[in-house]
Amino acid sequence: MKLKLLLLTLMGSVAIANAQYTVTDINGNELNNGDVLEFDVQGYGTEANWEFFVTNDNPSETIYTRIEFVDAVNATGEFFELCYALQCYTDLSVGFTIPTAPEVFPIAVGETTGQGNHFLNADPGNGTDTLDYIFAFHQYEADGVTEIGTPLTFTYRYSPTLGVNENTVVNLKVQSTVVTDQLVLDVNEPVSMLVYDLRGRIVKQARFETGRQEVNMSDLSAQAYIVQFQNEKGATQTTKIVVQ
């Protein structure tokens, strides 16, 4: 996995100087206004799961926060998961906030949010185009209406071709992504398969050698799923299917 942190503006720290919080990742790296977090992997169980912590920098008062899904490029928010304020949501739409406005999530003086907060893309897209998801951290007064400072805005990016070479391709073809009873595969090397539902739960798994394979999907509910394949070299291929 390659993660590139691109600082789009040298003035990021100045732009949010009057905000009263700091956002950091699990390694303590600070998120700045205008940053781009770029991943060449996606899906549950991968490093695309970006965990974060929000710290109250106000020395004397509780702060009140909210996260907004601002926009998307080549993406819709389907199969994107955001967990914050003790809540998790999947299949986001632009304009979505967590908590739902005008609710806000309080962080007490000197406190930092606990584990479990994360951004996660599980949408493979078309395998070529970059998917961009723009989010903003907001701070408000306790009423959830009066905003304090400038939002901290950043981009979560999935670049499917970042670092791709001949050793990172799974030699497999999915015959159709619209499935009734059987998911039909043409497998040209040993692979393992995991099927995830919209909540990131594994609902089916299997392993195949080579040849034409038919996977029974009739026991699954009619909805979209993410199917992830991995070969013995560790390369992965992810496909979105719809079970009818």
C-alpha atoms as a PDB file:
ATOM      1  CA  MET A   1       0.000   0.000   0.000  1.00  0.00           C
ATOM      2  CA  LYS A   2       1.223   3.473  -0.842  1.00  0.00           C
ATOM      3  CA  LEU A   3      -0.017   6.417   1.157  1.00  0.00           C
ATOM      4  CA  LYS A   4       0.876   9.871  -0.039  1.00  0.00           C
ATOM      5  CA  LEU A   5       0.074  12.888   2.089  1.00  0.00           C
ATOM      6  CA  LEU A   6      -0.093  15.855  -0.233  1.00  0.00           C
ATOM      7  CA  LEU A   7      -0.119  19.305   1.350  1.00  0.00           C
ATOM      8  CA  LEU A   8      -1.989  21.480  -1.137  1.00  0.00           C
ATOM      9  CA  THR A   9      -1.458  24.740   0.697  1.00  0.00           C
ATOM     10  CA  LEU A  10       1.347  26.044   2.877  1.00  0.00           C
ATOM     11  CA  MET A  11      -1.188  28.209   4.646  1.00  0.00           C
ATOM     12  CA  GLY A  12      -3.308  25.336   5.975  1.00  0.00           C
ATOM     13  CA  SER A  13      -2.353  25.897   9.594  1.00  0.00           C
ATOM     14  CA  VAL A  14      -3.074  29.617   9.325  1.00  0.00           C
ATOM     15  CA  ALA A  15      -6.504  29.035   7.750  1.00  0.00           C
ATOM     16  CA  ILE A  16      -7.725  27.108  10.779  1.00  0.00           C
ATOM     17  CA  ALA A  17      -5.878  29.114  13.411  1.00  0.00           C
ATOM     18  CA  ASN A  18      -9.088  30.075  15.142  1.00  0.00           C
ATOM     19  CA  ALA A  19     -10.389  26.522  15.347  1.00  0.00           C
ATOM     20  CA  GLN A  20      -9.884  24.818  18.693  1.00  0.00           C
ATOM     21  CA  TYR A  21      -9.110  21.208  17.808  1.00  0.00           C
ATOM     22  CA  THR A  22      -6.451  19.008  16.235  1.00  0.00           C
ATOM     23  CA  VAL A  23      -7.074  15.963  14.037  1.00  0.00           C
ATOM     24  CA  THR A  24      -4.390  13.258  13.989  1.00  0.00           C
ATOM     25  CA  ASP A  25      -4.063   9.751  12.593  1.00  0.00           C
ATOM     26  CA  ILE A  26      -3.209   6.604  14.546  1.00  0.00           C
ATOM     27  CA  ASN A  27       0.509   7.427  14.230  1.00  0.00           C
ATOM     28  CA  GLY A  28       0.109  10.962  15.553  1.00  0.00           C
ATOM     29  CA  ASN A  29       0.426  12.693  12.166  1.00  0.00           C
ATOM     30  CA  GLU A  30      -1.614  15.909  12.097  1.00  0.00           C
ATOM     31  CA  LEU A  31      -4.210  16.491   9.391  1.00  0.00           C
ATOM     32  CA  ASN A  32      -3.967  19.976   7.870  1.00  0.00           C
ATOM     33  CA  ASN A  33      -6.443  21.976   5.848  1.00  0.00           C
ATOM     34  CA  GLY A  34      -6.131  21.026   2.159  1.00  0.00           C
ATOM     35  CA  ASP A  35      -4.387  17.689   2.725  1.00  0.00           C
ATOM     36  CA  VAL A  36      -4.996  14.758   0.380  1.00  0.00           C
ATOM     37  CA  LEU A  37      -4.811  11.233   1.785  1.00  0.00           C
ATOM     38  CA  GLU A  38      -4.109   8.937  -1.172  1.00  0.00           C
ATOM     39  CA  PHE A  39      -4.474   5.145  -1.145  1.00  0.00           C
ATOM     40  CA  ASP A  40      -3.933   2.500  -3.817  1.00  0.00           C
ATOM     41  CA  VAL A  41      -6.056  -0.039  -1.935  1.00  0.00           C
ATOM     42  CA  GLN A  42      -9.680  -0.077  -0.878  1.00  0.00           C
ATOM     43  CA  GLY A  43     -12.028  -2.293   1.045  1.00  0.00           C
ATOM     44  CA  TYR A  44     -12.510  -3.689   4.505  1.00  0.00           C
ATOM     45  CA  GLY A  45      -9.456  -5.251   6.102  1.00  0.00           C
ATOM     46  CA  THR A  46      -7.007  -3.012   4.194  1.00  0.00           C
ATOM     47  CA  GLU A  47      -4.965   0.079   5.037  1.00  0.00           C
ATOM     48  CA  ALA A  48      -7.636   2.179   3.342  1.00  0.00           C
ATOM     49  CA  ASN A  49      -9.223   2.245   6.803  1.00  0.00           C
ATOM     50  CA  TRP A  50      -7.932   5.663   7.960  1.00  0.00           C
ATOM     51  CA  GLU A  51      -8.360   5.967  11.720  1.00  0.00           C
ATOM     52  CA  PHE A  52      -8.356   9.405  13.297  1.00  0.00           C
ATOM     53  CA  PHE A  53      -8.571  11.203  16.635  1.00  0.00           C
ATOM     54  CA  VAL A  54      -9.884  14.680  17.447  1.00  0.00           C
ATOM     55  CA  THR A  55      -8.348  16.556  20.390  1.00  0.00           C
ATOM     56  CA  ASN A  56      -9.887  19.543  22.165  1.00  0.00           C
ATOM     57  CA  ASP A  57      -7.254  22.314  22.198  1.00  0.00           C
ATOM     58  CA  ASN A  58      -9.433  24.784  24.084  1.00  0.00           C
ATOM     59  CA  PRO A  59      -7.867  25.156  27.554  1.00  0.00           C
ATOM     60  CA  SER A  60     -11.106  25.950  29.369  1.00  0.00           C
ATOM     61  CA  GLU A  61     -14.222  24.902  27.433  1.00  0.00           C
ATOM     62  CA  THR A  62     -15.884  21.916  25.801  1.00  0.00           C
ATOM     63  CA  ILE A  63     -15.904  22.078  21.997  1.00  0.00           C
ATOM     64  CA  TYR A  64     -18.710  20.853  19.720  1.00  0.00           C
ATOM     65  CA  THR A  65     -17.920  19.145  16.429  1.00  0.00           C
ATOM     66  CA  ARG A  66     -19.470  17.712  13.283  1.00  0.00           C
ATOM     67  CA  ILE A  67     -18.079  16.099  10.083  1.00  0.00           C
ATOM     68  CA  GLU A  68     -19.555  16.891   6.660  1.00  0.00           C
ATOM     69  CA  PHE A  69     -19.334  14.939   3.382  1.00  0.00           C
ATOM     70  CA  VAL A  70     -18.782  17.947   1.127  1.00  0.00           C
ATOM     71  CA  ASP A  71     -18.357  16.534  -2.381  1.00  0.00           C
ATOM     72  CA  ALA A  72     -17.161  13.599  -4.493  1.00  0.00           C
ATOM     73  CA  VAL A  73     -15.434  13.211  -7.857  1.00  0.00           C
ATOM     74  CA  ASN A  74     -15.963  10.021  -9.904  1.00  0.00           C
ATOM     75  CA  ALA A  75     -17.760   8.637  -6.865  1.00  0.00           C
ATOM     76  CA  THR A  76     -21.121   8.787  -5.139  1.00  0.00           C
ATOM     77  CA  GLY A  77     -20.350   7.779  -1.564  1.00  0.00           C
ATOM     78  CA  GLU A  78     -21.700   4.277  -2.103  1.00  0.00           C
ATOM     79  CA  PHE A  79     -19.605   1.808  -0.121  1.00  0.00           C
ATOM     80  CA  PHE A  80     -17.892   4.610   1.799  1.00  0.00           C
ATOM     81  CA  GLU A  81     -17.993   4.251   5.569  1.00  0.00           C
ATOM     82  CA  LEU A  82     -17.591   7.033   8.124  1.00  0.00           C
ATOM     83  CA  CYS A  83     -17.520   6.374  11.857  1.00  0.00           C
ATOM     84  CA  TYR A  84     -17.570   9.273  14.321  1.00  0.00           C
ATOM     85  CA  ALA A  85     -19.410  10.354  17.452  1.00  0.00           C
ATOM     86  CA  LEU A  86     -20.171   6.742  18.411  1.00  0.00           C
ATOM     87  CA  GLN A  87     -21.992   6.213  15.095  1.00  0.00           C
ATOM     88  CA  CYS A  88     -21.110   4.447  11.822  1.00  0.00           C
ATOM     89  CA  TYR A  89     -22.724   5.111   8.462  1.00  0.00           C
ATOM     90  CA  THR A  90     -22.214   3.440   5.074  1.00  0.00           C
ATOM     91  CA  ASP A  91     -23.444   4.499   1.639  1.00  0.00           C
ATOM     92  CA  LEU A  92     -23.067   8.239   2.173  1.00  0.00           C
ATOM     93  CA  SER A  93     -24.585  11.029   0.123  1.00  0.00           C
ATOM     94  CA  VAL A  94     -23.099  14.482  -0.481  1.00  0.00           C
ATOM     95  CA  GLY A  95     -24.248  16.864   2.250  1.00  0.00           C
ATOM     96  CA  PHE A  96     -24.425  14.114   4.873  1.00  0.00           C
ATOM     97  CA  THR A  97     -23.175  15.090   8.333  1.00  0.00           C
ATOM     98  CA  ILE A  98     -22.339  13.109  11.425  1.00  0.00           C
ATOM     99  CA  PRO A  99     -23.901  13.827  13.849  1.00  0.00           C
ATOM    100  CA  THR A 100     -26.999  14.929  11.919  1.00  0.00           C
ATOM    101  CA  ALA A 101     -27.373  18.716  12.047  1.00  0.00           C
ATOM    102  CA  PRO A 102     -28.024  20.530  14.291  1.00  0.00           C
ATOM    103  CA  GLU A 103     -26.668  17.843  16.637  1.00  0.00           C
ATOM    104  CA  VAL A 104     -23.000  18.139  17.580  1.00  0.00           C
ATOM    105  CA  PHE A 105     -20.469  15.855  19.241  1.00  0.00           C
ATOM    106  CA  PRO A 106     -18.929  17.355  22.404  1.00  0.00           C
ATOM    107  CA  ILE A 107     -15.280  16.892  23.346  1.00  0.00           C
ATOM    108  CA  ALA A 108     -14.394  17.948  26.885  1.00  0.00           C
ATOM    109  CA  VAL A 109     -11.413  20.077  27.907  1.00  0.00           C
ATOM    110  CA  GLY A 110      -8.155  18.180  27.407  1.00  0.00           C
ATOM    111  CA  GLU A 111      -9.960  15.155  25.929  1.00  0.00           C
ATOM    112  CA  THR A 112      -9.262  13.200  22.737  1.00  0.00           C
ATOM    113  CA  THR A 113     -11.821  11.003  20.993  1.00  0.00           C
ATOM    114  CA  GLY A 114     -11.336   7.259  21.445  1.00  0.00           C
ATOM    115  CA  GLN A 115     -10.631   4.487  18.966  1.00  0.00           C
ATOM    116  CA  GLY A 116     -13.072   3.427  16.282  1.00  0.00           C
ATOM    117  CA  ASN A 117     -13.388   6.660  14.310  1.00  0.00           C
ATOM    118  CA  HIS A 118     -12.406   6.175  10.686  1.00  0.00           C
ATOM    119  CA  PHE A 119     -12.887   6.944   7.008  1.00  0.00           C
ATOM    120  CA  LEU A 120     -13.013   3.901   4.703  1.00  0.00           C
ATOM    121  CA  ASN A 121     -13.632   3.510   0.977  1.00  0.00           C
ATOM    122  CA  ALA A 122     -14.739   0.080  -0.236  1.00  0.00           C
ATOM    123  CA  ASP A 123     -15.851   1.169  -3.714  1.00  0.00           C
ATOM    124  CA  PRO A 124     -13.504  -0.235  -6.417  1.00  0.00           C
ATOM    125  CA  GLY A 125     -14.863   2.160  -9.028  1.00  0.00           C
ATOM    126  CA  ASN A 126     -14.053   1.170 -12.609  1.00  0.00           C
ATOM    127  CA  GLY A 127     -10.506   0.127 -11.754  1.00  0.00           C
ATOM    128  CA  THR A 128      -8.943   3.079 -13.587  1.00  0.00           C
ATOM    129  CA  ASP A 129     -10.373   6.443 -12.526  1.00  0.00           C
ATOM    130  CA  THR A 130      -9.366   8.121  -9.281  1.00  0.00           C
ATOM    131  CA  LEU A 131     -12.137   8.472  -6.699  1.00  0.00           C
ATOM    132  CA  ASP A 132     -12.088  11.620  -4.562  1.00  0.00           C
ATOM    133  CA  TYR A 133     -14.127  12.161  -1.398  1.00  0.00           C
ATOM    134  CA  ILE A 134     -14.015  15.633   0.184  1.00  0.00           C
ATOM    135  CA  PHE A 135     -14.804  15.950   3.885  1.00  0.00           C
ATOM    136  CA  ALA A 136     -14.761  18.818   6.370  1.00  0.00           C
ATOM    137  CA  PHE A 137     -14.422  18.939  10.154  1.00  0.00           C
ATOM    138  CA  HIS A 138     -16.562  21.714  11.678  1.00  0.00           C
ATOM    139  CA  GLN A 139     -16.657  23.288  15.135  1.00  0.00           C
ATOM    140  CA  TYR A 140     -19.799  24.964  16.487  1.00  0.00           C
ATOM    141  CA  GLU A 141     -21.208  26.610  19.524  1.00  0.00           C
ATOM    142  CA  ALA A 142     -23.317  24.282  21.681  1.00  0.00           C
ATOM    143  CA  ASP A 143     -26.385  25.205  19.599  1.00  0.00           C
ATOM    144  CA  GLY A 144     -24.938  23.370  16.612  1.00  0.00           C
ATOM    145  CA  VAL A 145     -25.716  26.355  14.365  1.00  0.00           C
ATOM    146  CA  THR A 146     -23.101  29.038  15.062  1.00  0.00           C
ATOM    147  CA  GLU A 147     -19.823  27.901  13.491  1.00  0.00           C
ATOM    148  CA  ILE A 148     -16.456  28.656  15.064  1.00  0.00           C
ATOM    149  CA  GLY A 149     -13.455  29.184  12.821  1.00  0.00           C
ATOM    150  CA  THR A 150     -12.842  27.795   9.337  1.00  0.00           C
ATOM    151  CA  PRO A 151     -13.645  24.134   8.551  1.00  0.00           C
ATOM    152  CA  LEU A 152     -10.731  21.748   8.202  1.00  0.00           C
ATOM    153  CA  THR A 153     -11.284  20.348   4.706  1.00  0.00           C
ATOM    154  CA  PHE A 154      -9.376  17.420   3.225  1.00  0.00           C
ATOM    155  CA  THR A 155      -9.636  14.853   0.418  1.00  0.00           C
ATOM    156  CA  TYR A 156      -9.681  11.082   0.821  1.00  0.00           C
ATOM    157  CA  ARG A 157      -8.471   9.687  -2.520  1.00  0.00           C
ATOM    158  CA  TYR A 158      -8.499   6.192  -3.963  1.00  0.00           C
ATOM    159  CA  SER A 159      -6.079   5.827  -6.899  1.00  0.00           C
ATOM    160  CA  PRO A 160      -6.527   2.300  -8.291  1.00  0.00           C
ATOM    161  CA  THR A 161      -3.539   2.487 -10.647  1.00  0.00           C
ATOM    162  CA  LEU A 162      -1.094   3.926  -8.112  1.00  0.00           C
ATOM    163  CA  GLY A 163       1.945   1.651  -8.071  1.00  0.00           C
ATOM    164  CA  VAL A 164       0.346  -1.019 -10.276  1.00  0.00           C
ATOM    165  CA  ASN A 165       2.662  -3.421 -12.095  1.00  0.00           C
ATOM    166  CA  GLU A 166       2.480  -6.914 -13.573  1.00  0.00           C
ATOM    167  CA  ASN A 167       2.868  -8.514 -10.149  1.00  0.00           C
ATOM    168  CA  THR A 168      -0.153  -6.783  -8.653  1.00  0.00           C
ATOM    169  CA  VAL A 169      -2.836  -8.094 -10.987  1.00  0.00           C
ATOM    170  CA  VAL A 170      -5.162 -10.985 -10.186  1.00  0.00           C
ATOM    171  CA  ASN A 171      -5.672 -13.232 -13.226  1.00  0.00           C
ATOM    172  CA  LEU A 172      -9.408 -13.620 -12.908  1.00  0.00           C
ATOM    173  CA  LYS A 173     -12.543 -12.500 -14.749  1.00  0.00           C
ATOM    174  CA  VAL A 174     -16.032 -11.960 -13.345  1.00  0.00           C
ATOM    175  CA  GLN A 175     -18.520 -12.924 -16.045  1.00  0.00           C
ATOM    176  CA  SER A 176     -21.279 -10.583 -14.834  1.00  0.00           C
ATOM    177  CA  THR A 177     -21.630  -8.160 -11.930  1.00  0.00           C
ATOM    178  CA  VAL A 178     -25.415  -8.574 -11.949  1.00  0.00           C
ATOM    179  CA  VAL A 179     -26.175 -11.903 -10.262  1.00  0.00           C
ATOM    180  CA  THR A 180     -29.340 -13.905  -9.757  1.00  0.00           C
ATOM    181  CA  ASP A 181     -28.328 -17.324  -8.411  1.00  0.00           C
ATOM    182  CA  GLN A 182     -24.710 -17.904  -9.459  1.00  0.00           C
ATOM    183  CA  LEU A 183     -21.621 -15.704  -9.566  1.00  0.00           C
ATOM    184  CA  VAL A 184     -19.626 -17.063 -12.511  1.00  0.00           C
ATOM    185  CA  LEU A 185     -15.832 -16.672 -12.526  1.00  0.00           C
ATOM    186  CA  ASP A 186     -13.037 -17.551 -14.933  1.00  0.00           C
ATOM    187  CA  VAL A 187     -10.107 -18.228 -12.578  1.00  0.00           C
ATOM    188  CA  ASN A 188      -6.594 -18.544 -14.046  1.00  0.00           C
ATOM    189  CA  GLU A 189      -4.589 -18.841 -10.831  1.00  0.00           C
ATOM    190  CA  PRO A 190      -5.275 -19.911  -7.223  1.00  0.00           C
ATOM    191  CA  VAL A 191      -7.274 -17.200  -5.426  1.00  0.00           C
ATOM    192  CA  SER A 192      -9.229 -16.663  -2.231  1.00  0.00           C
ATOM    193  CA  MET A 193     -12.545 -14.804  -2.199  1.00  0.00           C
ATOM    194  CA  LEU A 194     -14.326 -12.718   0.429  1.00  0.00           C
ATOM    195  CA  VAL A 195     -17.809 -11.240  -0.046  1.00  0.00           C
ATOM    196  CA  TYR A 196     -18.744  -8.187   2.086  1.00  0.00           C
ATOM    197  CA  ASP A 197     -22.165  -6.654   2.638  1.00  0.00           C
ATOM    198  CA  LEU A 198     -22.871  -2.931   2.957  1.00  0.00           C
ATOM    199  CA  ARG A 199     -21.890  -2.968   6.632  1.00  0.00           C
ATOM    200  CA  GLY A 200     -18.503  -4.534   5.976  1.00  0.00           C
ATOM    201  CA  ARG A 201     -19.455  -7.974   7.272  1.00  0.00           C
ATOM    202  CA  ILE A 202     -18.079 -11.061   5.542  1.00  0.00           C
ATOM    203  CA  VAL A 203     -21.112 -12.981   4.264  1.00  0.00           C
ATOM    204  CA  LYS A 204     -19.344 -15.557   2.093  1.00  0.00           C
ATOM    205  CA  GLN A 205     -15.835 -16.833   1.523  1.00  0.00           C
ATOM    206  CA  ALA A 206     -14.183 -19.461  -0.649  1.00  0.00           C
ATOM    207  CA  ARG A 207     -10.938 -20.526  -2.287  1.00  0.00           C
ATOM    208  CA  PHE A 208     -10.475 -21.579  -5.915  1.00  0.00           C
ATOM    209  CA  GLU A 209      -7.709 -23.164  -7.946  1.00  0.00           C
ATOM    210  CA  THR A 210      -8.250 -22.630 -11.685  1.00  0.00           C
ATOM    211  CA  GLY A 211     -11.014 -22.973 -14.233  1.00  0.00           C
ATOM    212  CA  ARG A 212     -14.636 -21.862 -14.478  1.00  0.00           C
ATOM    213  CA  GLN A 213     -16.212 -21.452 -11.042  1.00  0.00           C
ATOM    214  CA  GLU A 214     -19.853 -20.961 -10.065  1.00  0.00           C
ATOM    215  CA  VAL A 215     -20.545 -19.501  -6.624  1.00  0.00           C
ATOM    216  CA  ASN A 216     -24.038 -19.915  -5.182  1.00  0.00           C
ATOM    217  CA  MET A 217     -25.378 -16.481  -4.223  1.00  0.00           C
ATOM    218  CA  SER A 218     -29.046 -17.424  -3.863  1.00  0.00           C
ATOM    219  CA  ASP A 219     -28.769 -17.420  -0.062  1.00  0.00           C
ATOM    220  CA  LEU A 220     -27.901 -13.698  -0.001  1.00  0.00           C
ATOM    221  CA  SER A 221     -30.381 -10.828   0.188  1.00  0.00           C
ATOM    222  CA  ALA A 222     -31.027  -8.784  -2.938  1.00  0.00           C
ATOM    223  CA  GLN A 223     -28.618  -5.838  -2.658  1.00  0.00           C
ATOM    224  CA  ALA A 224     -25.100  -4.716  -3.602  1.00  0.00           C
ATOM    225  CA  TYR A 225     -21.991  -6.488  -2.311  1.00  0.00           C
ATOM    226  CA  ILE A 226     -18.224  -6.081  -2.561  1.00  0.00           C
ATOM    227  CA  VAL A 227     -16.278  -9.150  -3.691  1.00  0.00           C
ATOM    228  CA  GLN A 228     -12.543  -9.173  -2.995  1.00  0.00           C
ATOM    229  CA  PHE A 229     -10.137 -11.676  -4.587  1.00  0.00           C
ATOM    230  CA  GLN A 230      -6.520 -12.224  -3.531  1.00  0.00           C
ATOM    231  CA  ASN A 231      -3.862 -14.339  -5.238  1.00  0.00           C
ATOM    232  CA  GLU A 232      -0.872 -16.084  -3.681  1.00  0.00           C
ATOM    233  CA  LYS A 233       1.375 -13.062  -4.383  1.00  0.00           C
ATOM    234  CA  GLY A 234      -0.858 -10.864  -2.235  1.00  0.00           C
ATOM    235  CA  ALA A 235      -2.367  -8.904  -5.134  1.00  0.00           C
ATOM    236  CA  THR A 236      -6.045  -8.074  -4.757  1.00  0.00           C
ATOM    237  CA  GLN A 237      -8.929  -7.385  -7.108  1.00  0.00           C
ATOM    238  CA  THR A 238     -12.187  -5.933  -5.893  1.00  0.00           C
ATOM    239  CA  THR A 239     -15.505  -5.961  -7.749  1.00  0.00           C
ATOM    240  CA  LYS A 240     -18.897  -4.538  -6.893  1.00  0.00           C
ATOM    241  CA  ILE A 241     -21.794  -6.905  -7.671  1.00  0.00           C
ATOM    242  CA  VAL A 242     -25.553  -6.640  -7.372  1.00  0.00           C
ATOM    243  CA  VAL A 243     -27.563  -9.673  -6.301  1.00  0.00           C
ATOM    244  CA  GLN A 244     -31.106  -9.542  -7.643  1.00  0.00           C
END
